[in-house]
């Protein structure tokens, strides 16, 4: 069973780890807008971002999606414009370094296509 905690019930320690009253957070932390809609969901393991990460625009359109492992972005990360058009696709290696990135404008035209070394 996954524990889900509201962002308002969390705080950070001196090492920037996320805690709630029960200690280091292992589970999902959700943020909500004024109407109570979930605007982000961040997965944690022992207070460190680890697992799926999501963010939505107020209308429910996907804004961001990615995966972290022990605080590092890994694998595919995607960002969208409010109109639903893909804005960016970045691939991170297992060490959290960018391997590639593609960007599009709001009309869907490719504006950047890069591969990174290292």
PDB file of N, CA and C in Angstrom:
ATOM      1  N   UNK A   1       0.834  -1.183   0.000  1.00  0.00           N
ATOM      2  CA  UNK A   1       0.000   0.000   0.000  1.00  0.00           C
ATOM      3  C   UNK A   1       0.881   1.249   0.000  1.00  0.00           C
ATOM      4  N   UNK A   2       0.576   2.183  -0.884  1.00  0.00           N
ATOM      5  CA  UNK A   2       1.338   3.423  -0.980  1.00  0.00           C
ATOM      6  C   UNK A   2       0.731   4.472  -0.060  1.00  0.00           C
ATOM      7  N   UNK A   3       1.582   5.104   0.716  1.00  0.00           N
ATOM      8  CA  UNK A   3       1.153   6.175   1.604  1.00  0.00           C
ATOM      9  C   UNK A   3       1.097   7.462   0.802  1.00  0.00           C
ATOM     10  N   UNK A   4       0.004   8.216   0.930  1.00  0.00           N
ATOM     11  CA  UNK A   4      -0.140   9.502   0.245  1.00  0.00           C
ATOM     12  C   UNK A   4      -0.288  10.584   1.295  1.00  0.00           C
ATOM     13  N   UNK A   5       0.574  11.599   1.208  1.00  0.00           N
ATOM     14  CA  UNK A   5       0.628  12.674   2.190  1.00  0.00           C
ATOM     15  C   UNK A   5       0.408  14.002   1.473  1.00  0.00           C
ATOM     16  N   UNK A   6      -0.287  14.905   2.119  1.00  0.00           N
ATOM     17  CA  UNK A   6      -0.490  16.245   1.569  1.00  0.00           C
ATOM     18  C   UNK A   6       0.783  17.072   1.776  1.00  0.00           C
ATOM     19  N   UNK A   7       1.123  17.870   0.777  1.00  0.00           N
ATOM     20  CA  UNK A   7       2.320  18.699   0.839  1.00  0.00           C
ATOM     21  C   UNK A   7       2.346  19.575   2.094  1.00  0.00           C
ATOM     22  N   UNK A   8       1.190  20.113   2.466  1.00  0.00           N
ATOM     23  CA  UNK A   8       1.118  21.001   3.632  1.00  0.00           C
ATOM     24  C   UNK A   8       1.512  20.300   4.929  1.00  0.00           C
ATOM     25  N   UNK A   9       1.485  18.966   4.942  1.00  0.00           N
ATOM     26  CA  UNK A   9       1.825  18.205   6.136  1.00  0.00           C
ATOM     27  C   UNK A   9       3.295  17.799   6.172  1.00  0.00           C
ATOM     28  N   UNK A  10       4.092  18.342   5.251  1.00  0.00           N
ATOM     29  CA  UNK A  10       5.505  17.967   5.185  1.00  0.00           C
ATOM     30  C   UNK A  10       6.400  19.151   5.530  1.00  0.00           C
ATOM     31  N   UNK A  11       7.643  18.843   5.818  1.00  0.00           N
ATOM     32  CA  UNK A  11       8.674  19.866   6.035  1.00  0.00           C
ATOM     33  C   UNK A  11      10.013  19.254   5.654  1.00  0.00           C
ATOM     34  N   UNK A  12      11.050  20.076   5.569  1.00  0.00           N
ATOM     35  CA  UNK A  12      12.382  19.599   5.188  1.00  0.00           C
ATOM     36  C   UNK A  12      13.345  19.726   6.361  1.00  0.00           C
ATOM     37  N   UNK A  13      14.261  18.772   6.433  1.00  0.00           N
ATOM     38  CA  UNK A  13      15.295  18.859   7.454  1.00  0.00           C
ATOM     39  C   UNK A  13      16.516  19.585   6.883  1.00  0.00           C
ATOM     40  N   UNK A  14      17.597  19.663   7.655  1.00  0.00           N
ATOM     41  CA  UNK A  14      18.806  20.375   7.228  1.00  0.00           C
ATOM     42  C   UNK A  14      19.457  19.751   5.995  1.00  0.00           C
ATOM     43  N   UNK A  15      19.178  18.485   5.732  1.00  0.00           N
ATOM     44  CA  UNK A  15      19.729  17.804   4.560  1.00  0.00           C
ATOM     45  C   UNK A  15      18.758  17.856   3.376  1.00  0.00           C
ATOM     46  N   UNK A  16      17.692  18.662   3.486  1.00  0.00           N
ATOM     47  CA  UNK A  16      16.674  18.852   2.447  1.00  0.00           C
ATOM     48  C   UNK A  16      15.834  17.607   2.199  1.00  0.00           C
ATOM     49  N   UNK A  17      15.833  16.670   3.152  1.00  0.00           N
ATOM     50  CA  UNK A  17      14.955  15.501   3.041  1.00  0.00           C
ATOM     51  C   UNK A  17      13.557  15.901   3.490  1.00  0.00           C
ATOM     52  N   UNK A  18      12.554  15.241   2.922  1.00  0.00           N
ATOM     53  CA  UNK A  18      11.161  15.563   3.233  1.00  0.00           C
ATOM     54  C   UNK A  18      10.669  14.663   4.367  1.00  0.00           C
ATOM     55  N   UNK A  19      10.055  15.296   5.372  1.00  0.00           N
ATOM     56  CA  UNK A  19       9.537  14.591   6.534  1.00  0.00           C
ATOM     57  C   UNK A  19       8.085  14.979   6.770  1.00  0.00           C
ATOM     58  N   UNK A  20       7.398  14.141   7.519  1.00  0.00           N
ATOM     59  CA  UNK A  20       6.091  14.479   8.077  1.00  0.00           C
ATOM     60  C   UNK A  20       6.171  14.115   9.553  1.00  0.00           C
ATOM     61  N   UNK A  21       5.082  14.183  10.244  1.00  0.00           N
ATOM     62  CA  UNK A  21       5.125  13.928  11.689  1.00  0.00           C
ATOM     63  C   UNK A  21       5.637  12.539  12.036  1.00  0.00           C
ATOM     64  N   UNK A  22       5.504  11.575  11.100  1.00  0.00           N
ATOM     65  CA  UNK A  22       5.962  10.210  11.359  1.00  0.00           C
ATOM     66  C   UNK A  22       7.424   9.984  11.003  1.00  0.00           C
ATOM     67  N   UNK A  23       8.115  11.002  10.505  1.00  0.00           N
ATOM     68  CA  UNK A  23       9.521  10.862  10.127  1.00  0.00           C
ATOM     69  C   UNK A  23       9.712  11.035   8.633  1.00  0.00           C
ATOM     70  N   UNK A  24      10.797  10.458   8.117  1.00  0.00           N
ATOM     71  CA  UNK A  24      11.111  10.580   6.699  1.00  0.00           C
ATOM     72  C   UNK A  24       9.988   9.999   5.849  1.00  0.00           C
ATOM     73  N   UNK A  25       9.642  10.709   4.777  1.00  0.00           N
ATOM     74  CA  UNK A  25       8.529  10.299   3.931  1.00  0.00           C
ATOM     75  C   UNK A  25       8.958   9.199   2.965  1.00  0.00           C
ATOM     76  N   UNK A  26       8.210   8.118   2.971  1.00  0.00           N
ATOM     77  CA  UNK A  26       8.287   7.086   1.945  1.00  0.00           C
ATOM     78  C   UNK A  26       6.867   6.927   1.434  1.00  0.00           C
ATOM     79  N   UNK A  27       6.668   7.375   0.202  1.00  0.00           N
ATOM     80  CA  UNK A  27       5.335   7.367  -0.390  1.00  0.00           C
ATOM     81  C   UNK A  27       5.178   8.555  -1.308  1.00  0.00           C
ATOM     82  N   UNK A  28       3.944   8.978  -1.514  1.00  0.00           N
ATOM     83  CA  UNK A  28       3.636  10.063  -2.437  1.00  0.00           C
ATOM     84  C   UNK A  28       3.248  11.321  -1.677  1.00  0.00           C
ATOM     85  N   UNK A  29       3.745  12.455  -2.162  1.00  0.00           N
ATOM     86  CA  UNK A  29       3.346  13.751  -1.620  1.00  0.00           C
ATOM     87  C   UNK A  29       2.593  14.469  -2.721  1.00  0.00           C
ATOM     88  N   UNK A  30       1.381  14.913  -2.423  1.00  0.00           N
ATOM     89  CA  UNK A  30       0.555  15.607  -3.405  1.00  0.00           C
ATOM     90  C   UNK A  30       0.401  17.075  -3.024  1.00  0.00           C
ATOM     91  N   UNK A  31       0.412  17.920  -4.042  1.00  0.00           N
ATOM     92  CA  UNK A  31       0.104  19.342  -3.890  1.00  0.00           C
ATOM     93  C   UNK A  31      -1.223  19.582  -4.581  1.00  0.00           C
ATOM     94  N   UNK A  32      -1.996  20.502  -4.028  1.00  0.00           N
ATOM     95  CA  UNK A  32      -3.324  20.801  -4.573  1.00  0.00           C
ATOM     96  C   UNK A  32      -3.472  22.301  -4.795  1.00  0.00           C
ATOM     97  N   UNK A  33      -4.342  22.654  -5.743  1.00  0.00           N
ATOM     98  CA  UNK A  33      -4.663  24.062  -5.950  1.00  0.00           C
ATOM     99  C   UNK A  33      -5.773  24.478  -4.990  1.00  0.00           C
ATOM    100  N   UNK A  34      -6.222  25.707  -5.108  1.00  0.00           N
ATOM    101  CA  UNK A  34      -7.231  26.225  -4.176  1.00  0.00           C
ATOM    102  C   UNK A  34      -8.554  25.484  -4.266  1.00  0.00           C
ATOM    103  N   UNK A  35      -8.835  24.852  -5.400  1.00  0.00           N
ATOM    104  CA  UNK A  35     -10.076  24.087  -5.562  1.00  0.00           C
ATOM    105  C   UNK A  35      -9.919  22.634  -5.127  1.00  0.00           C
ATOM    106  N   UNK A  36      -8.719  22.263  -4.663  1.00  0.00           N
ATOM    107  CA  UNK A  36      -8.496  20.910  -4.185  1.00  0.00           C
ATOM    108  C   UNK A  36      -8.026  19.923  -5.239  1.00  0.00           C
ATOM    109  N   UNK A  37      -7.794  20.397  -6.475  1.00  0.00           N
ATOM    110  CA  UNK A  37      -7.307  19.512  -7.543  1.00  0.00           C
ATOM    111  C   UNK A  37      -5.817  19.257  -7.353  1.00  0.00           C
ATOM    112  N   UNK A  38      -5.415  18.026  -7.586  1.00  0.00           N
ATOM    113  CA  UNK A  38      -3.997  17.682  -7.479  1.00  0.00           C
ATOM    114  C   UNK A  38      -3.233  18.342  -8.613  1.00  0.00           C
ATOM    115  N   UNK A  39      -2.181  19.095  -8.265  1.00  0.00           N
ATOM    116  CA  UNK A  39      -1.341  19.761  -9.256  1.00  0.00           C
ATOM    117  C   UNK A  39       0.023  19.101  -9.388  1.00  0.00           C
ATOM    118  N   UNK A  40       0.422  18.320  -8.381  1.00  0.00           N
ATOM    119  CA  UNK A  40       1.671  17.566  -8.497  1.00  0.00           C
ATOM    120  C   UNK A  40       1.636  16.361  -7.581  1.00  0.00           C
ATOM    121  N   UNK A  41       2.394  15.357  -7.982  1.00  0.00           N
ATOM    122  CA  UNK A  41       2.551  14.140  -7.196  1.00  0.00           C
ATOM    123  C   UNK A  41       4.017  13.752  -7.295  1.00  0.00           C
ATOM    124  N   UNK A  42       4.687  13.716  -6.157  1.00  0.00           N
ATOM    125  CA  UNK A  42       6.113  13.393  -6.108  1.00  0.00           C
ATOM    126  C   UNK A  42       6.292  12.180  -5.207  1.00  0.00           C
ATOM    127  N   UNK A  43       7.001  11.186  -5.710  1.00  0.00           N
ATOM    128  CA  UNK A  43       7.275   9.971  -4.937  1.00  0.00           C
ATOM    129  C   UNK A  43       8.584  10.131  -4.179  1.00  0.00           C
ATOM    130  N   UNK A  44       8.600   9.617  -2.956  1.00  0.00           N
ATOM    131  CA  UNK A  44       9.788   9.706  -2.095  1.00  0.00           C
ATOM    132  C   UNK A  44      10.119   8.351  -1.496  1.00  0.00           C
ATOM    133  N   UNK A  45      11.408   8.161  -1.208  1.00  0.00           N
ATOM    134  CA  UNK A  45      11.869   7.012  -0.439  1.00  0.00           C
ATOM    135  C   UNK A  45      12.801   7.562   0.631  1.00  0.00           C
ATOM    136  N   UNK A  46      12.414   7.380   1.874  1.00  0.00           N
ATOM    137  CA  UNK A  46      13.168   7.876   3.024  1.00  0.00           C
ATOM    138  C   UNK A  46      13.538   9.345   2.873  1.00  0.00           C
ATOM    139  N   UNK A  47      12.540  10.156   2.433  1.00  0.00           N
ATOM    140  CA  UNK A  47      12.698  11.599   2.355  1.00  0.00           C
ATOM    141  C   UNK A  47      13.350  12.141   1.101  1.00  0.00           C
ATOM    142  N   UNK A  48      13.770  11.259   0.200  1.00  0.00           N
ATOM    143  CA  UNK A  48      14.470  11.668  -1.021  1.00  0.00           C
ATOM    144  C   UNK A  48      13.594  11.338  -2.222  1.00  0.00           C
ATOM    145  N   UNK A  49      13.470  12.275  -3.190  1.00  0.00           N
ATOM    146  CA  UNK A  49      12.669  11.960  -4.376  1.00  0.00           C
ATOM    147  C   UNK A  49      13.171  10.680  -5.052  1.00  0.00           C
ATOM    148  N   UNK A  50      12.287   9.723  -5.196  1.00  0.00           N
ATOM    149  CA  UNK A  50      12.645   8.456  -5.812  1.00  0.00           C
ATOM    150  C   UNK A  50      11.363   7.794  -6.295  1.00  0.00           C
ATOM    151  N   UNK A  51      11.214   7.725  -7.619  1.00  0.00           N
ATOM    152  CA  UNK A  51      10.018   7.148  -8.210  1.00  0.00           C
ATOM    153  C   UNK A  51       9.373   8.125  -9.170  1.00  0.00           C
ATOM    154  N   UNK A  52       8.140   7.854  -9.570  1.00  0.00           N
ATOM    155  CA  UNK A  52       7.449   8.711 -10.531  1.00  0.00           C
ATOM    156  C   UNK A  52       7.197  10.114  -9.991  1.00  0.00           C
ATOM    157  N   UNK A  53       7.282  11.084 -10.894  1.00  0.00           N
ATOM    158  CA  UNK A  53       7.008  12.480 -10.577  1.00  0.00           C
ATOM    159  C   UNK A  53       6.040  12.995 -11.638  1.00  0.00           C
ATOM    160  N   UNK A  54       4.993  13.696 -11.214  1.00  0.00           N
ATOM    161  CA  UNK A  54       3.989  14.210 -12.138  1.00  0.00           C
ATOM    162  C   UNK A  54       3.584  15.617 -11.731  1.00  0.00           C
ATOM    163  N   UNK A  55       3.202  16.437 -12.722  1.00  0.00           N
ATOM    164  CA  UNK A  55       2.599  17.747 -12.466  1.00  0.00           C
ATOM    165  C   UNK A  55       1.544  17.981 -13.537  1.00  0.00           C
ATOM    166  N   UNK A  56       0.458  18.682 -13.140  1.00  0.00           N
ATOM    167  CA  UNK A  56      -0.658  18.959 -14.037  1.00  0.00           C
ATOM    168  C   UNK A  56      -0.968  20.446 -14.030  1.00  0.00           C
ATOM    169  N   UNK A  57      -1.490  20.915 -15.155  1.00  0.00           N
ATOM    170  CA  UNK A  57      -2.045  22.266 -15.222  1.00  0.00           C
ATOM    171  C   UNK A  57      -3.394  22.254 -14.506  1.00  0.00           C
ATOM    172  N   UNK A  58      -3.931  23.428 -14.144  1.00  0.00           N
ATOM    173  CA  UNK A  58      -5.204  23.472 -13.411  1.00  0.00           C
ATOM    174  C   UNK A  58      -6.360  22.743 -14.095  1.00  0.00           C
ATOM    175  N   UNK A  59      -6.338  22.677 -15.440  1.00  0.00           N
ATOM    176  CA  UNK A  59      -7.426  21.997 -16.144  1.00  0.00           C
ATOM    177  C   UNK A  59      -7.239  20.487 -16.220  1.00  0.00           C
ATOM    178  N   UNK A  60      -6.167  19.975 -15.600  1.00  0.00           N
ATOM    179  CA  UNK A  60      -5.917  18.540 -15.593  1.00  0.00           C
ATOM    180  C   UNK A  60      -4.991  18.064 -16.691  1.00  0.00           C
ATOM    181  N   UNK A  61      -4.581  18.955 -17.594  1.00  0.00           N
ATOM    182  CA  UNK A  61      -3.646  18.604 -18.659  1.00  0.00           C
ATOM    183  C   UNK A  61      -2.274  18.310 -18.056  1.00  0.00           C
ATOM    184  N   UNK A  62      -1.629  17.266 -18.537  1.00  0.00           N
ATOM    185  CA  UNK A  62      -0.300  16.903 -18.034  1.00  0.00           C
ATOM    186  C   UNK A  62       0.693  18.034 -18.303  1.00  0.00           C
ATOM    187  N   UNK A  63       1.496  18.364 -17.300  1.00  0.00           N
ATOM    188  CA  UNK A  63       2.509  19.419 -17.400  1.00  0.00           C
ATOM    189  C   UNK A  63       3.915  18.828 -17.403  1.00  0.00           C
ATOM    190  N   UNK A  64       4.129  17.787 -16.580  1.00  0.00           N
ATOM    191  CA  UNK A  64       5.459  17.210 -16.407  1.00  0.00           C
ATOM    192  C   UNK A  64       5.323  15.761 -15.988  1.00  0.00           C
ATOM    193  N   UNK A  65       6.250  14.935 -16.489  1.00  0.00           N
ATOM    194  CA  UNK A  65       6.267  13.526 -16.106  1.00  0.00           C
ATOM    195  C   UNK A  65       7.708  13.042 -16.177  1.00  0.00           C
ATOM    196  N   UNK A  66       8.147  12.345 -15.124  1.00  0.00           N
ATOM    197  CA  UNK A  66       9.497  11.815 -15.115  1.00  0.00           C
ATOM    198  C   UNK A  66       9.694  10.857 -13.966  1.00  0.00           C
ATOM    199  N   UNK A  67      10.929  10.393 -13.844  1.00  0.00           N
ATOM    200  CA  UNK A  67      11.288   9.415 -12.827  1.00  0.00           C
ATOM    201  C   UNK A  67      12.567   9.860 -12.139  1.00  0.00           C
ATOM    202  N   UNK A  68      12.602   9.713 -10.821  1.00  0.00           N
ATOM    203  CA  UNK A  68      13.836   9.971 -10.079  1.00  0.00           C
ATOM    204  C   UNK A  68      14.258   8.706  -9.359  1.00  0.00           C
ATOM    205  N   UNK A  69      15.546   8.617  -9.126  1.00  0.00           N
ATOM    206  CA  UNK A  69      16.099   7.517  -8.354  1.00  0.00           C
ATOM    207  C   UNK A  69      17.126   8.125  -7.407  1.00  0.00           C
ATOM    208  N   UNK A  70      16.843   8.055  -6.112  1.00  0.00           N
ATOM    209  CA  UNK A  70      17.717   8.614  -5.079  1.00  0.00           C
ATOM    210  C   UNK A  70      18.036  10.080  -5.342  1.00  0.00           C
ATOM    211  N   UNK A  71      17.023  10.846  -5.767  1.00  0.00           N
ATOM    212  CA  UNK A  71      17.171  12.269  -5.971  1.00  0.00           C
ATOM    213  C   UNK A  71      17.649  12.686  -7.345  1.00  0.00           C
ATOM    214  N   UNK A  72      17.990  11.742  -8.203  1.00  0.00           N
ATOM    215  CA  UNK A  72      18.476  12.056  -9.544  1.00  0.00           C
ATOM    216  C   UNK A  72      17.400  11.777 -10.587  1.00  0.00           C
ATOM    217  N   UNK A  73      17.269  12.681 -11.554  1.00  0.00           N
ATOM    218  CA  UNK A  73      16.393  12.425 -12.690  1.00  0.00           C
ATOM    219  C   UNK A  73      17.017  11.303 -13.515  1.00  0.00           C
ATOM    220  N   UNK A  74      16.217  10.307 -13.869  1.00  0.00           N
ATOM    221  CA  UNK A  74      16.698   9.198 -14.701  1.00  0.00           C
ATOM    222  C   UNK A  74      15.646   8.889 -15.764  1.00  0.00           C
ATOM    223  N   UNK A  75      16.095   8.330 -16.867  1.00  0.00           N
ATOM    224  CA  UNK A  75      15.167   7.917 -17.918  1.00  0.00           C
ATOM    225  C   UNK A  75      14.517   9.087 -18.618  1.00  0.00           C
ATOM    226  N   UNK A  76      13.301   8.857 -19.099  1.00  0.00           N
ATOM    227  CA  UNK A  76      12.564   9.838 -19.900  1.00  0.00           C
ATOM    228  C   UNK A  76      11.826  10.848 -19.033  1.00  0.00           C
ATOM    229  N   UNK A  77      12.009  12.121 -19.348  1.00  0.00           N
ATOM    230  CA  UNK A  77      11.264  13.213 -18.727  1.00  0.00           C
ATOM    231  C   UNK A  77      10.583  13.990 -19.837  1.00  0.00           C
ATOM    232  N   UNK A  78       9.317  14.300 -19.640  1.00  0.00           N
ATOM    233  CA  UNK A  78       8.549  15.037 -20.637  1.00  0.00           C
ATOM    234  C   UNK A  78       7.855  16.232 -19.991  1.00  0.00           C
ATOM    235  N   UNK A  79       7.820  17.349 -20.759  1.00  0.00           N
ATOM    236  CA  UNK A  79       7.098  18.554 -20.354  1.00  0.00           C
ATOM    237  C   UNK A  79       6.155  18.918 -21.488  1.00  0.00           C
ATOM    238  N   UNK A  80       4.977  19.427 -21.122  1.00  0.00           N
ATOM    239  CA  UNK A  80       3.975  19.826 -22.103  1.00  0.00           C
ATOM    240  C   UNK A  80       3.594  21.279 -21.917  1.00  0.00           C
ATOM    241  N   UNK A  81       3.154  21.892 -23.010  1.00  0.00           N
ATOM    242  CA  UNK A  81       2.542  23.220 -22.963  1.00  0.00           C
ATOM    243  C   UNK A  81       1.107  23.064 -22.453  1.00  0.00           C
ATOM    244  N   UNK A  82       0.503  24.160 -21.980  1.00  0.00           N
ATOM    245  CA  UNK A  82      -0.887  24.081 -21.516  1.00  0.00           C
ATOM    246  C   UNK A  82      -1.863  23.577 -22.586  1.00  0.00           C
ATOM    247  N   UNK A  83      -1.519  23.757 -23.867  1.00  0.00           N
ATOM    248  CA  UNK A  83      -2.402  23.299 -24.944  1.00  0.00           C
ATOM    249  C   UNK A  83      -2.271  21.800 -25.224  1.00  0.00           C
ATOM    250  N   UNK A  84      -1.422  21.102 -24.450  1.00  0.00           N
ATOM    251  CA  UNK A  84      -1.243  19.665 -24.614  1.00  0.00           C
ATOM    252  C   UNK A  84      -0.112  19.280 -25.546  1.00  0.00           C
ATOM    253  N   UNK A  85       0.480  20.254 -26.233  1.00  0.00           N
ATOM    254  CA  UNK A  85       1.594  19.995 -27.141  1.00  0.00           C
ATOM    255  C   UNK A  85       2.854  19.658 -26.333  1.00  0.00           C
ATOM    256  N   UNK A  86       3.556  18.612 -26.728  1.00  0.00           N
ATOM    257  CA  UNK A  86       4.814  18.262 -26.078  1.00  0.00           C
ATOM    258  C   UNK A  86       5.799  19.411 -26.250  1.00  0.00           C
ATOM    259  N   UNK A  87       6.392  19.861 -25.160  1.00  0.00           N
ATOM    260  CA  UNK A  87       7.342  20.975 -25.175  1.00  0.00           C
ATOM    261  C   UNK A  87       8.776  20.485 -25.140  1.00  0.00           C
ATOM    262  N   UNK A  88       9.025  19.412 -24.374  1.00  0.00           N
ATOM    263  CA  UNK A  88      10.401  18.943 -24.204  1.00  0.00           C
ATOM    264  C   UNK A  88      10.415  17.468 -23.837  1.00  0.00           C
ATOM    265  N   UNK A  89      11.386  16.757 -24.385  1.00  0.00           N
ATOM    266  CA  UNK A  89      11.628  15.363 -24.016  1.00  0.00           C
ATOM    267  C   UNK A  89      13.118  15.244 -23.744  1.00  0.00           C
ATOM    268  N   UNK A  90      13.455  14.945 -22.503  1.00  0.00           N
ATOM    269  CA  UNK A  90      14.850  14.804 -22.095  1.00  0.00           C
ATOM    270  C   UNK A  90      15.056  13.398 -21.566  1.00  0.00           C
ATOM    271  N   UNK A  91      16.176  12.798 -21.951  1.00  0.00           N
ATOM    272  CA  UNK A  91      16.538  11.473 -21.455  1.00  0.00           C
ATOM    273  C   UNK A  91      17.772  11.640 -20.578  1.00  0.00           C
ATOM    274  N   UNK A  92      17.669  11.108 -19.352  1.00  0.00           N
ATOM    275  CA  UNK A  92      18.778  11.143 -18.400  1.00  0.00           C
ATOM    276  C   UNK A  92      19.349   9.741 -18.245  1.00  0.00           C
ATOM    277  N   UNK A  93      20.684   9.652 -18.084  1.00  0.00           N
ATOM    278  CA  UNK A  93      21.288   8.343 -17.861  1.00  0.00           C
ATOM    279  C   UNK A  93      21.141   7.937 -16.396  1.00  0.00           C
ATOM    280  N   UNK A  94      21.661   6.798 -16.029  1.00  0.00           N
ATOM    281  CA  UNK A  94      21.517   6.270 -14.656  1.00  0.00           C
ATOM    282  C   UNK A  94      22.227   7.124 -13.610  1.00  0.00           C
ATOM    283  N   UNK A  95      23.138   8.003 -14.041  1.00  0.00           N
ATOM    284  CA  UNK A  95      23.842   8.889 -13.109  1.00  0.00           C
ATOM    285  C   UNK A  95      23.193  10.267 -13.028  1.00  0.00           C
ATOM    286  N   UNK A  96      22.033  10.421 -13.694  1.00  0.00           N
ATOM    287  CA  UNK A  96      21.310  11.684 -13.641  1.00  0.00           C
ATOM    288  C   UNK A  96      21.819  12.737 -14.609  1.00  0.00           C
ATOM    289  N   UNK A  97      22.636  12.343 -15.566  1.00  0.00           N
ATOM    290  CA  UNK A  97      23.152  13.291 -16.560  1.00  0.00           C
ATOM    291  C   UNK A  97      22.315  13.228 -17.831  1.00  0.00           C
ATOM    292  N   UNK A  98      22.122  14.396 -18.448  1.00  0.00           N
ATOM    293  CA  UNK A  98      21.358  14.436 -19.688  1.00  0.00           C
ATOM    294  C   UNK A  98      22.068  13.664 -20.785  1.00  0.00           C
ATOM    295  N   UNK A  99      21.333  12.792 -21.440  1.00  0.00           N
ATOM    296  CA  UNK A  99      21.860  12.057 -22.588  1.00  0.00           C
ATOM    297  C   UNK A  99      21.368  12.695 -23.888  1.00  0.00           C
ATOM    298  N   UNK A 100      20.112  13.151 -23.884  1.00  0.00           N
ATOM    299  CA  UNK A 100      19.557  13.801 -25.071  1.00  0.00           C
ATOM    300  C   UNK A 100      18.407  14.716 -24.664  1.00  0.00           C
ATOM    301  N   UNK A 101      18.112  15.680 -25.560  1.00  0.00           N
ATOM    302  CA  UNK A 101      16.997  16.585 -25.317  1.00  0.00           C
ATOM    303  C   UNK A 101      16.428  17.051 -26.655  1.00  0.00           C
ATOM    304  N   UNK A 102      15.112  17.017 -26.729  1.00  0.00           N
ATOM    305  CA  UNK A 102      14.390  17.573 -27.862  1.00  0.00           C
ATOM    306  C   UNK A 102      13.405  18.593 -27.321  1.00  0.00           C
ATOM    307  N   UNK A 103      13.266  19.721 -28.044  1.00  0.00           N
ATOM    308  CA  UNK A 103      12.310  20.760 -27.661  1.00  0.00           C
ATOM    309  C   UNK A 103      11.461  21.126 -28.868  1.00  0.00           C
ATOM    310  N   UNK A 104      10.208  21.489 -28.570  1.00  0.00           N
ATOM    311  CA  UNK A 104       9.268  21.922 -29.597  1.00  0.00           C
ATOM    312  C   UNK A 104       8.651  23.245 -29.191  1.00  0.00           C
ATOM    313  N   UNK A 105       8.215  24.031 -30.184  1.00  0.00           N
ATOM    314  CA  UNK A 105       7.459  25.231 -29.867  1.00  0.00           C
ATOM    315  C   UNK A 105       5.993  24.859 -29.663  1.00  0.00           C
ATOM    316  N   UNK A 106       5.165  25.835 -29.323  1.00  0.00           N
ATOM    317  CA  UNK A 106       3.759  25.563 -28.998  1.00  0.00           C
ATOM    318  C   UNK A 106       2.961  25.013 -30.170  1.00  0.00           C
ATOM    319  N   UNK A 107       3.490  25.186 -31.381  1.00  0.00           N
ATOM    320  CA  UNK A 107       2.804  24.671 -32.570  1.00  0.00           C
ATOM    321  C   UNK A 107       3.280  23.273 -32.958  1.00  0.00           C
ATOM    322  N   UNK A 108       4.264  22.739 -32.228  1.00  0.00           N
ATOM    323  CA  UNK A 108       4.743  21.392 -32.509  1.00  0.00           C
ATOM    324  C   UNK A 108       5.951  21.316 -33.418  1.00  0.00           C
ATOM    325  N   UNK A 109       6.580  22.458 -33.708  1.00  0.00           N
ATOM    326  CA  UNK A 109       7.774  22.474 -34.550  1.00  0.00           C
ATOM    327  C   UNK A 109       9.013  22.185 -33.707  1.00  0.00           C
ATOM    328  N   UNK A 110       9.828  21.255 -34.140  1.00  0.00           N
ATOM    329  CA  UNK A 110      11.061  20.907 -33.428  1.00  0.00           C
ATOM    330  C   UNK A 110      12.009  22.094 -33.449  1.00  0.00           C
ATOM    331  N   UNK A 111      12.458  22.547 -32.275  1.00  0.00           N
ATOM    332  CA  UNK A 111      13.358  23.700 -32.184  1.00  0.00           C
ATOM    333  C   UNK A 111      14.743  23.315 -31.686  1.00  0.00           C
ATOM    334  N   UNK A 112      14.875  22.121 -31.095  1.00  0.00           N
ATOM    335  CA  UNK A 112      16.170  21.668 -30.598  1.00  0.00           C
ATOM    336  C   UNK A 112      16.192  20.159 -30.600  1.00  0.00           C
ATOM    337  N   UNK A 113      17.320  19.592 -31.012  1.00  0.00           N
ATOM    338  CA  UNK A 113      17.514  18.142 -30.998  1.00  0.00           C
ATOM    339  C   UNK A 113      18.985  17.899 -30.695  1.00  0.00           C
ATOM    340  N   UNK A 114      19.301  17.648 -29.423  1.00  0.00           N
ATOM    341  CA  UNK A 114      20.689  17.533 -28.984  1.00  0.00           C
ATOM    342  C   UNK A 114      20.968  16.209 -28.309  1.00  0.00           C
ATOM    343  N   UNK A 115      22.183  15.760 -28.503  1.00  0.00           N
ATOM    344  CA  UNK A 115      22.714  14.617 -27.770  1.00  0.00           C
ATOM    345  C   UNK A 115      23.894  15.118 -26.961  1.00  0.00           C
ATOM    346  N   UNK A 116      23.984  14.677 -25.704  1.00  0.00           N
ATOM    347  CA  UNK A 116      25.027  15.130 -24.812  1.00  0.00           C
ATOM    348  C   UNK A 116      26.005  13.989 -24.559  1.00  0.00           C
ATOM    349  N   UNK A 117      27.273  14.315 -24.397  1.00  0.00           N
ATOM    350  CA  UNK A 117      28.284  13.296 -24.094  1.00  0.00           C
ATOM    351  C   UNK A 117      28.532  13.273 -22.600  1.00  0.00           C
ATOM    352  N   UNK A 118      29.019  12.145 -22.129  1.00  0.00           N
ATOM    353  CA  UNK A 118      29.390  12.047 -20.725  1.00  0.00           C
ATOM    354  C   UNK A 118      28.358  11.424 -19.923  1.00  0.00           C
TER     355      UNK A 118
END
